[in-house]
Amino acid sequence: MAYFEYKNKNIYYEENGNGEPLVFLHGNTASSKMFESIIKLYLDKYRVVTIDFLGHGKSQRLEEFPLELWYDEAMQTIALLEFLSLENVNLLGTSGGAWVALNVALERPDLVKKVVADSFDGRTLARDFAVNLLEERCYSKQNEIAKQFYVFCHGNDWESVVDNDTNCLLQFAKEHCPLIKKELSELKVPLLLTASKTDDMIRNDFEDEYTSILEIVQYGEKCVFLNGFHPAVISNDIEYSKIIKNFLK
């Protein structure tokens, strides 16, 4: 098992395959294990790197998550890229990991080649974000399939991870913290936005939001799948991998 140190804490990461680096960034309440079933689709062309953000998966636990969670996770990602001496990296962030990827690219464009932002709300959280979050988390903690996923990602202390994330995001929404530290107009690398029309975990008007983002960035495109659950990178795995490879080449 491989670890690197960030602010005196141990962060777990994995590397598989050879070629151009492609870093997968997991979403909230998940870990790098969420990508376990799809990584093989990318190993023919890429050196795939995954990370468990602090407080998740096999990484060191936190008593509480930092308020600006996605920005701090971006700093963790940058630390990993520097630790591995990587540059010209492709980032694929899904759900909350999409904001992480965007923050990385805005902070350190010298390290990033292209960004894929998958299955996320865009520049702002939906107005009913906090209410929906509470309902979703209360349900998931009682749902056997969701609990199996949490155990798969984190182990037996999964509930503390989920509660930490819930408390952080509720406070984040209450204080109207920025999702992205810098303006998207400053993004210097190509951006691909992806999602599924039938994803019930992102805002209903995400297609309009994605279109608005593409009017802001220097170079961007979008791909919306007709079907699929959250996130698209998993539910449309084979078709998704073909689209990503075409975008990244």
C-alpha atoms as a PDB file:
ATOM      1  CA  MET A   1       0.000   0.000   0.000  1.00  0.00           C
ATOM      2  CA  ALA A   2       1.337   3.441  -0.951  1.00  0.00           C
ATOM      3  CA  TYR A   3       1.022   6.599   1.113  1.00  0.00           C
ATOM      4  CA  PHE A   4       2.344  10.147   1.012  1.00  0.00           C
ATOM      5  CA  GLU A   5       2.262  12.795   3.712  1.00  0.00           C
ATOM      6  CA  TYR A   6       0.165  15.954   3.630  1.00  0.00           C
ATOM      7  CA  LYS A   7       0.097  18.294   6.621  1.00  0.00           C
ATOM      8  CA  ASN A   8       1.485  15.520   8.834  1.00  0.00           C
ATOM      9  CA  LYS A   9      -1.253  13.102   7.805  1.00  0.00           C
ATOM     10  CA  ASN A  10      -1.055  10.007   5.613  1.00  0.00           C
ATOM     11  CA  ILE A  11      -2.948   9.885   2.323  1.00  0.00           C
ATOM     12  CA  TYR A  12      -3.410   6.651   0.400  1.00  0.00           C
ATOM     13  CA  TYR A  13      -2.976   6.440  -3.372  1.00  0.00           C
ATOM     14  CA  GLU A  14      -2.617   3.791  -6.064  1.00  0.00           C
ATOM     15  CA  GLU A  15      -1.020   3.643  -9.508  1.00  0.00           C
ATOM     16  CA  ASN A  16      -1.886   1.202 -12.280  1.00  0.00           C
ATOM     17  CA  GLY A  17      -0.810   0.922 -15.901  1.00  0.00           C
ATOM     18  CA  ASN A  18       1.555   2.948 -18.063  1.00  0.00           C
ATOM     19  CA  GLY A  19       1.276   5.918 -20.358  1.00  0.00           C
ATOM     20  CA  GLU A  20      -0.121   9.406 -19.996  1.00  0.00           C
ATOM     21  CA  PRO A  21      -1.232  10.086 -16.395  1.00  0.00           C
ATOM     22  CA  LEU A  22      -4.970  10.071 -15.701  1.00  0.00           C
ATOM     23  CA  VAL A  23      -5.996  10.889 -12.139  1.00  0.00           C
ATOM     24  CA  PHE A  24      -9.435   9.817 -10.878  1.00  0.00           C
ATOM     25  CA  LEU A  25     -10.916  11.947  -8.084  1.00  0.00           C
ATOM     26  CA  HIS A  26     -13.730  10.393  -6.066  1.00  0.00           C
ATOM     27  CA  GLY A  27     -16.902  12.019  -4.802  1.00  0.00           C
ATOM     28  CA  ASN A  28     -18.239  12.703  -1.312  1.00  0.00           C
ATOM     29  CA  THR A  29     -18.738   9.729   1.048  1.00  0.00           C
ATOM     30  CA  ALA A  30     -16.862   7.568  -1.472  1.00  0.00           C
ATOM     31  CA  SER A  31     -13.230   6.557  -1.938  1.00  0.00           C
ATOM     32  CA  SER A  32     -10.994   5.461  -4.787  1.00  0.00           C
ATOM     33  CA  LYS A  33     -12.612   2.016  -4.538  1.00  0.00           C
ATOM     34  CA  MET A  34     -15.616   3.441  -6.379  1.00  0.00           C
ATOM     35  CA  PHE A  35     -13.490   3.244  -9.539  1.00  0.00           C
ATOM     36  CA  GLU A  36     -12.343  -0.336  -8.966  1.00  0.00           C
ATOM     37  CA  SER A  37     -14.658  -1.831 -11.573  1.00  0.00           C
ATOM     38  CA  ILE A  38     -13.805   0.623 -14.382  1.00  0.00           C
ATOM     39  CA  ILE A  39     -10.069   1.253 -14.097  1.00  0.00           C
ATOM     40  CA  LYS A  40      -9.345  -1.674 -16.422  1.00  0.00           C
ATOM     41  CA  LEU A  41     -11.087   0.236 -19.236  1.00  0.00           C
ATOM     42  CA  TYR A  42      -8.325   2.861 -19.169  1.00  0.00           C
ATOM     43  CA  LEU A  43      -5.168   0.825 -18.543  1.00  0.00           C
ATOM     44  CA  ASP A  44      -4.497   0.249 -22.253  1.00  0.00           C
ATOM     45  CA  LYS A  45      -3.587   3.913 -22.689  1.00  0.00           C
ATOM     46  CA  TYR A  46      -3.087   5.559 -19.305  1.00  0.00           C
ATOM     47  CA  ARG A  47      -1.153   5.478 -16.079  1.00  0.00           C
ATOM     48  CA  VAL A  48      -4.159   5.600 -13.792  1.00  0.00           C
ATOM     49  CA  VAL A  49      -3.676   7.256 -10.407  1.00  0.00           C
ATOM     50  CA  THR A  50      -6.307   7.215  -7.665  1.00  0.00           C
ATOM     51  CA  ILE A  51      -6.377   8.879  -4.267  1.00  0.00           C
ATOM     52  CA  ASP A  52      -8.357   8.511  -1.054  1.00  0.00           C
ATOM     53  CA  PHE A  53      -8.886  12.033   0.249  1.00  0.00           C
ATOM     54  CA  LEU A  54      -8.144  12.576   3.912  1.00  0.00           C
ATOM     55  CA  GLY A  55     -10.851  11.090   6.119  1.00  0.00           C
ATOM     56  CA  HIS A  56     -11.863   8.591   3.421  1.00  0.00           C
ATOM     57  CA  GLY A  57     -11.015   5.049   2.401  1.00  0.00           C
ATOM     58  CA  LYS A  58      -7.554   3.976   3.534  1.00  0.00           C
ATOM     59  CA  SER A  59      -6.350   7.495   4.300  1.00  0.00           C
ATOM     60  CA  GLN A  60      -5.900   8.838   7.803  1.00  0.00           C
ATOM     61  CA  ARG A  61      -9.137   9.826   9.529  1.00  0.00           C
ATOM     62  CA  LEU A  62     -10.068  13.372  10.567  1.00  0.00           C
ATOM     63  CA  GLU A  63     -12.077  14.473  13.588  1.00  0.00           C
ATOM     64  CA  GLU A  64     -13.939  16.814  11.280  1.00  0.00           C
ATOM     65  CA  PHE A  65     -13.661  17.776   7.623  1.00  0.00           C
ATOM     66  CA  PRO A  66     -12.348  21.238   6.640  1.00  0.00           C
ATOM     67  CA  LEU A  67     -15.155  23.628   5.748  1.00  0.00           C
ATOM     68  CA  GLU A  68     -13.852  24.322   2.243  1.00  0.00           C
ATOM     69  CA  LEU A  69     -13.610  20.605   1.635  1.00  0.00           C
ATOM     70  CA  TRP A  70     -13.254  20.528  -2.142  1.00  0.00           C
ATOM     71  CA  TYR A  71     -10.524  23.168  -2.148  1.00  0.00           C
ATOM     72  CA  ASP A  72      -8.579  21.335   0.550  1.00  0.00           C
ATOM     73  CA  GLU A  73      -8.921  18.104  -1.435  1.00  0.00           C
ATOM     74  CA  ALA A  74      -7.565  19.994  -4.449  1.00  0.00           C
ATOM     75  CA  MET A  75      -4.518  20.900  -2.373  1.00  0.00           C
ATOM     76  CA  GLN A  76      -4.153  17.222  -1.440  1.00  0.00           C
ATOM     77  CA  THR A  77      -4.274  16.320  -5.138  1.00  0.00           C
ATOM     78  CA  ILE A  78      -1.641  18.920  -6.009  1.00  0.00           C
ATOM     79  CA  ALA A  79       0.551  17.538  -3.230  1.00  0.00           C
ATOM     80  CA  LEU A  80       0.198  14.052  -4.740  1.00  0.00           C
ATOM     81  CA  LEU A  81       1.116  15.271  -8.241  1.00  0.00           C
ATOM     82  CA  GLU A  82       4.191  16.976  -6.842  1.00  0.00           C
ATOM     83  CA  PHE A  83       5.093  13.900  -4.779  1.00  0.00           C
ATOM     84  CA  LEU A  84       4.938  11.728  -7.920  1.00  0.00           C
ATOM     85  CA  SER A  85       6.654  14.422 -10.059  1.00  0.00           C
ATOM     86  CA  LEU A  86       3.743  14.370 -12.499  1.00  0.00           C
ATOM     87  CA  GLU A  87       2.824  17.045 -15.027  1.00  0.00           C
ATOM     88  CA  ASN A  88       0.583  17.228 -18.104  1.00  0.00           C
ATOM     89  CA  VAL A  89      -1.925  15.280 -16.044  1.00  0.00           C
ATOM     90  CA  ASN A  90      -5.489  14.541 -17.104  1.00  0.00           C
ATOM     91  CA  LEU A  91      -7.977  14.890 -14.255  1.00  0.00           C
ATOM     92  CA  LEU A  92     -11.303  13.071 -14.060  1.00  0.00           C
ATOM     93  CA  GLY A  93     -13.331  14.219 -11.083  1.00  0.00           C
ATOM     94  CA  THR A  94     -16.787  12.865 -10.455  1.00  0.00           C
ATOM     95  CA  SER A  95     -19.547  14.326  -8.250  1.00  0.00           C
ATOM     96  CA  GLY A  96     -17.734  16.315  -5.527  1.00  0.00           C
ATOM     97  CA  GLY A  97     -14.475  15.309  -7.168  1.00  0.00           C
ATOM     98  CA  ALA A  98     -15.424  17.484 -10.157  1.00  0.00           C
ATOM     99  CA  TRP A  99     -15.024  20.615  -8.010  1.00  0.00           C
ATOM    100  CA  VAL A 100     -11.722  19.228  -6.779  1.00  0.00           C
ATOM    101  CA  ALA A 101     -10.510  18.795 -10.371  1.00  0.00           C
ATOM    102  CA  LEU A 102     -11.531  22.329 -11.337  1.00  0.00           C
ATOM    103  CA  ASN A 103      -9.810  23.814  -8.298  1.00  0.00           C
ATOM    104  CA  VAL A 104      -6.621  21.900  -9.132  1.00  0.00           C
ATOM    105  CA  ALA A 105      -6.634  23.121 -12.741  1.00  0.00           C
ATOM    106  CA  LEU A 106      -7.281  26.724 -11.716  1.00  0.00           C
ATOM    107  CA  GLU A 107      -4.603  26.716  -9.023  1.00  0.00           C
ATOM    108  CA  ARG A 108      -1.929  24.799 -10.930  1.00  0.00           C
ATOM    109  CA  PRO A 109      -2.538  24.882 -14.686  1.00  0.00           C
ATOM    110  CA  ASP A 110       1.152  24.056 -15.125  1.00  0.00           C
ATOM    111  CA  LEU A 111       0.427  20.526 -13.881  1.00  0.00           C
ATOM    112  CA  VAL A 112      -2.797  19.852 -15.803  1.00  0.00           C
ATOM    113  CA  LYS A 113      -3.437  18.963 -19.437  1.00  0.00           C
ATOM    114  CA  LYS A 114      -7.225  18.398 -19.547  1.00  0.00           C
ATOM    115  CA  VAL A 115     -10.134  18.146 -17.109  1.00  0.00           C
ATOM    116  CA  VAL A 116     -13.256  16.000 -17.090  1.00  0.00           C
ATOM    117  CA  ALA A 117     -15.936  17.161 -14.632  1.00  0.00           C
ATOM    118  CA  ASP A 118     -18.578  14.469 -14.243  1.00  0.00           C
ATOM    119  CA  SER A 119     -22.040  14.440 -12.659  1.00  0.00           C
ATOM    120  CA  PHE A 120     -21.947  17.632 -10.590  1.00  0.00           C
ATOM    121  CA  ASP A 121     -24.143  20.702 -10.065  1.00  0.00           C
ATOM    122  CA  GLY A 122     -21.884  23.248 -11.742  1.00  0.00           C
ATOM    123  CA  ARG A 123     -20.913  26.651 -10.357  1.00  0.00           C
ATOM    124  CA  THR A 124     -23.415  26.717  -7.503  1.00  0.00           C
ATOM    125  CA  LEU A 125     -25.308  24.304  -5.309  1.00  0.00           C
ATOM    126  CA  ALA A 126     -29.007  23.845  -5.945  1.00  0.00           C
ATOM    127  CA  ARG A 127     -31.253  25.994  -3.739  1.00  0.00           C
ATOM    128  CA  ASP A 128     -32.671  22.930  -2.006  1.00  0.00           C
ATOM    129  CA  PHE A 129     -29.222  21.333  -1.607  1.00  0.00           C
ATOM    130  CA  ALA A 130     -29.249  21.189   2.207  1.00  0.00           C
ATOM    131  CA  VAL A 131     -32.768  19.749   2.438  1.00  0.00           C
ATOM    132  CA  ASN A 132     -32.057  17.143  -0.230  1.00  0.00           C
ATOM    133  CA  LEU A 133     -28.744  16.256   1.384  1.00  0.00           C
ATOM    134  CA  LEU A 134     -30.339  15.542   4.752  1.00  0.00           C
ATOM    135  CA  GLU A 135     -33.071  13.431   3.181  1.00  0.00           C
ATOM    136  CA  GLU A 136     -30.584  11.495   1.063  1.00  0.00           C
ATOM    137  CA  ARG A 137     -28.192  10.824   3.936  1.00  0.00           C
ATOM    138  CA  CYS A 138     -30.952   9.731   6.329  1.00  0.00           C
ATOM    139  CA  TYR A 139     -32.208   7.339   3.692  1.00  0.00           C
ATOM    140  CA  SER A 140     -28.804   6.000   2.676  1.00  0.00           C
ATOM    141  CA  LYS A 141     -27.762   5.234   6.260  1.00  0.00           C
ATOM    142  CA  GLN A 142     -30.770   2.902   6.507  1.00  0.00           C
ATOM    143  CA  ASN A 143     -30.543   1.460   3.008  1.00  0.00           C
ATOM    144  CA  GLU A 144     -28.696  -1.860   2.825  1.00  0.00           C
ATOM    145  CA  ILE A 145     -27.247  -1.276  -0.650  1.00  0.00           C
ATOM    146  CA  ALA A 146     -25.954   2.168   0.330  1.00  0.00           C
ATOM    147  CA  LYS A 147     -24.486   0.797   3.555  1.00  0.00           C
ATOM    148  CA  GLN A 148     -22.698  -1.932   1.621  1.00  0.00           C
ATOM    149  CA  PHE A 149     -21.187   0.744  -0.603  1.00  0.00           C
ATOM    150  CA  TYR A 150     -20.021   2.748   2.412  1.00  0.00           C
ATOM    151  CA  VAL A 151     -18.447  -0.325   4.005  1.00  0.00           C
ATOM    152  CA  PHE A 152     -16.816  -1.185   0.683  1.00  0.00           C
ATOM    153  CA  CYS A 153     -15.274   2.292   0.479  1.00  0.00           C
ATOM    154  CA  HIS A 154     -14.343   2.922   4.120  1.00  0.00           C
ATOM    155  CA  GLY A 155     -14.677  -0.123   6.303  1.00  0.00           C
ATOM    156  CA  ASN A 156     -16.572  -0.482   9.557  1.00  0.00           C
ATOM    157  CA  ASP A 157     -16.224   3.180  10.581  1.00  0.00           C
ATOM    158  CA  TRP A 158     -18.171   4.285   7.503  1.00  0.00           C
ATOM    159  CA  GLU A 159     -20.858   6.046   9.523  1.00  0.00           C
ATOM    160  CA  SER A 160     -18.423   8.549  11.025  1.00  0.00           C
ATOM    161  CA  VAL A 161     -17.140   9.339   7.518  1.00  0.00           C
ATOM    162  CA  VAL A 162     -20.654   9.960   6.231  1.00  0.00           C
ATOM    163  CA  ASP A 163     -21.605  12.070   9.266  1.00  0.00           C
ATOM    164  CA  ASN A 164     -18.420  14.131   8.934  1.00  0.00           C
ATOM    165  CA  ASP A 165     -19.222  14.829   5.308  1.00  0.00           C
ATOM    166  CA  THR A 166     -22.867  15.677   6.026  1.00  0.00           C
ATOM    167  CA  ASN A 167     -21.975  18.118   8.809  1.00  0.00           C
ATOM    168  CA  CYS A 168     -19.340  19.766   6.639  1.00  0.00           C
ATOM    169  CA  LEU A 169     -21.602  20.226   3.623  1.00  0.00           C
ATOM    170  CA  LEU A 170     -24.516  21.581   5.674  1.00  0.00           C
ATOM    171  CA  GLN A 171     -22.225  24.219   7.183  1.00  0.00           C
ATOM    172  CA  PHE A 172     -20.701  24.871   3.762  1.00  0.00           C
ATOM    173  CA  ALA A 173     -24.144  25.564   2.287  1.00  0.00           C
ATOM    174  CA  LYS A 174     -25.180  27.680   5.278  1.00  0.00           C
ATOM    175  CA  GLU A 175     -22.155  29.944   4.921  1.00  0.00           C
ATOM    176  CA  HIS A 176     -22.425  30.088   1.110  1.00  0.00           C
ATOM    177  CA  CYS A 177     -18.794  29.129   0.649  1.00  0.00           C
ATOM    178  CA  PRO A 178     -17.433  29.184  -2.912  1.00  0.00           C
ATOM    179  CA  LEU A 179     -17.263  25.849  -4.689  1.00  0.00           C
ATOM    180  CA  ILE A 180     -14.396  27.053  -6.830  1.00  0.00           C
ATOM    181  CA  LYS A 181     -11.856  29.568  -5.536  1.00  0.00           C
ATOM    182  CA  LYS A 182     -11.157  31.267  -8.865  1.00  0.00           C
ATOM    183  CA  GLU A 183     -13.369  32.292 -11.771  1.00  0.00           C
ATOM    184  CA  LEU A 184     -13.948  29.607 -14.395  1.00  0.00           C
ATOM    185  CA  SER A 185     -13.074  32.188 -17.055  1.00  0.00           C
ATOM    186  CA  GLU A 186      -9.485  31.769 -15.834  1.00  0.00           C
ATOM    187  CA  LEU A 187      -9.436  28.071 -16.745  1.00  0.00           C
ATOM    188  CA  LYS A 188      -6.584  27.539 -19.209  1.00  0.00           C
ATOM    189  CA  VAL A 189      -7.078  23.866 -20.064  1.00  0.00           C
ATOM    190  CA  PRO A 190      -9.754  22.051 -22.100  1.00  0.00           C
ATOM    191  CA  LEU A 191     -12.827  20.971 -20.127  1.00  0.00           C
ATOM    192  CA  LEU A 192     -15.332  18.184 -20.744  1.00  0.00           C
ATOM    193  CA  LEU A 193     -18.607  18.191 -18.788  1.00  0.00           C
ATOM    194  CA  THR A 194     -20.488  14.898 -18.485  1.00  0.00           C
ATOM    195  CA  ALA A 195     -23.645  13.625 -16.792  1.00  0.00           C
ATOM    196  CA  SER A 196     -26.718  11.452 -17.282  1.00  0.00           C
ATOM    197  CA  LYS A 197     -30.179  12.875 -17.910  1.00  0.00           C
ATOM    198  CA  THR A 198     -31.667  10.410 -15.433  1.00  0.00           C
ATOM    199  CA  ASP A 199     -29.219  11.207 -12.609  1.00  0.00           C
ATOM    200  CA  ASP A 200     -31.418  12.150  -9.637  1.00  0.00           C
ATOM    201  CA  MET A 201     -28.493  13.296  -7.474  1.00  0.00           C
ATOM    202  CA  ILE A 202     -27.661  16.463  -9.421  1.00  0.00           C
ATOM    203  CA  ARG A 203     -29.708  19.590 -10.117  1.00  0.00           C
ATOM    204  CA  ASN A 204     -32.610  19.265 -12.544  1.00  0.00           C
ATOM    205  CA  ASP A 205     -31.362  22.113 -14.739  1.00  0.00           C
ATOM    206  CA  PHE A 206     -27.785  20.833 -14.999  1.00  0.00           C
ATOM    207  CA  GLU A 207     -27.849  20.946 -18.820  1.00  0.00           C
ATOM    208  CA  ASP A 208     -28.560  24.684 -18.786  1.00  0.00           C
ATOM    209  CA  GLU A 209     -25.827  25.128 -16.193  1.00  0.00           C
ATOM    210  CA  TYR A 210     -23.347  23.175 -18.292  1.00  0.00           C
ATOM    211  CA  THR A 211     -24.203  25.291 -21.340  1.00  0.00           C
ATOM    212  CA  SER A 212     -23.592  28.455 -19.299  1.00  0.00           C
ATOM    213  CA  ILE A 213     -20.205  27.117 -18.164  1.00  0.00           C
ATOM    214  CA  LEU A 214     -19.184  26.411 -21.750  1.00  0.00           C
ATOM    215  CA  GLU A 215     -19.903  30.024 -22.633  1.00  0.00           C
ATOM    216  CA  ILE A 216     -17.381  31.085 -19.976  1.00  0.00           C
ATOM    217  CA  VAL A 217     -14.421  28.757 -20.443  1.00  0.00           C
ATOM    218  CA  GLN A 218     -11.910  29.127 -23.262  1.00  0.00           C
ATOM    219  CA  TYR A 219     -12.338  25.592 -24.549  1.00  0.00           C
ATOM    220  CA  GLY A 220     -15.011  23.185 -23.452  1.00  0.00           C
ATOM    221  CA  GLU A 221     -17.570  20.638 -24.531  1.00  0.00           C
ATOM    222  CA  LYS A 222     -20.231  18.465 -22.945  1.00  0.00           C
ATOM    223  CA  CYS A 223     -21.586  14.963 -23.255  1.00  0.00           C
ATOM    224  CA  VAL A 224     -24.958  14.043 -21.756  1.00  0.00           C
ATOM    225  CA  PHE A 225     -26.022  10.398 -21.597  1.00  0.00           C
ATOM    226  CA  LEU A 226     -29.700   9.587 -22.022  1.00  0.00           C
ATOM    227  CA  ASN A 227     -29.674   7.012 -19.234  1.00  0.00           C
ATOM    228  CA  GLY A 228     -27.659   6.139 -16.170  1.00  0.00           C
ATOM    229  CA  PHE A 229     -27.498   6.532 -12.414  1.00  0.00           C
ATOM    230  CA  HIS A 230     -25.038   8.655 -10.440  1.00  0.00           C
ATOM    231  CA  PRO A 231     -22.283   9.042 -11.550  1.00  0.00           C
ATOM    232  CA  ALA A 232     -22.126   8.725 -15.341  1.00  0.00           C
ATOM    233  CA  VAL A 233     -18.523   7.531 -15.360  1.00  0.00           C
ATOM    234  CA  ILE A 234     -19.714   4.349 -13.610  1.00  0.00           C
ATOM    235  CA  SER A 235     -23.215   3.812 -14.992  1.00  0.00           C
ATOM    236  CA  ASN A 236     -22.154   4.354 -18.623  1.00  0.00           C
ATOM    237  CA  ASP A 237     -18.732   2.815 -18.103  1.00  0.00           C
ATOM    238  CA  ILE A 238     -17.849   1.373 -21.538  1.00  0.00           C
ATOM    239  CA  GLU A 239     -19.328   4.155 -23.676  1.00  0.00           C
ATOM    240  CA  TYR A 240     -17.948   6.708 -21.235  1.00  0.00           C
ATOM    241  CA  SER A 241     -14.395   5.369 -21.520  1.00  0.00           C
ATOM    242  CA  LYS A 242     -14.514   5.678 -25.326  1.00  0.00           C
ATOM    243  CA  ILE A 243     -15.658   9.304 -25.107  1.00  0.00           C
ATOM    244  CA  ILE A 244     -12.980  10.145 -22.542  1.00  0.00           C
ATOM    245  CA  LYS A 245     -10.220   8.581 -24.619  1.00  0.00           C
ATOM    246  CA  ASN A 246     -11.359  10.547 -27.658  1.00  0.00           C
ATOM    247  CA  PHE A 247     -11.387  13.777 -25.631  1.00  0.00           C
ATOM    248  CA  LEU A 248      -7.988  13.179 -24.070  1.00  0.00           C
ATOM    249  CA  LYS A 249      -6.066  12.046 -27.150  1.00  0.00           C
END
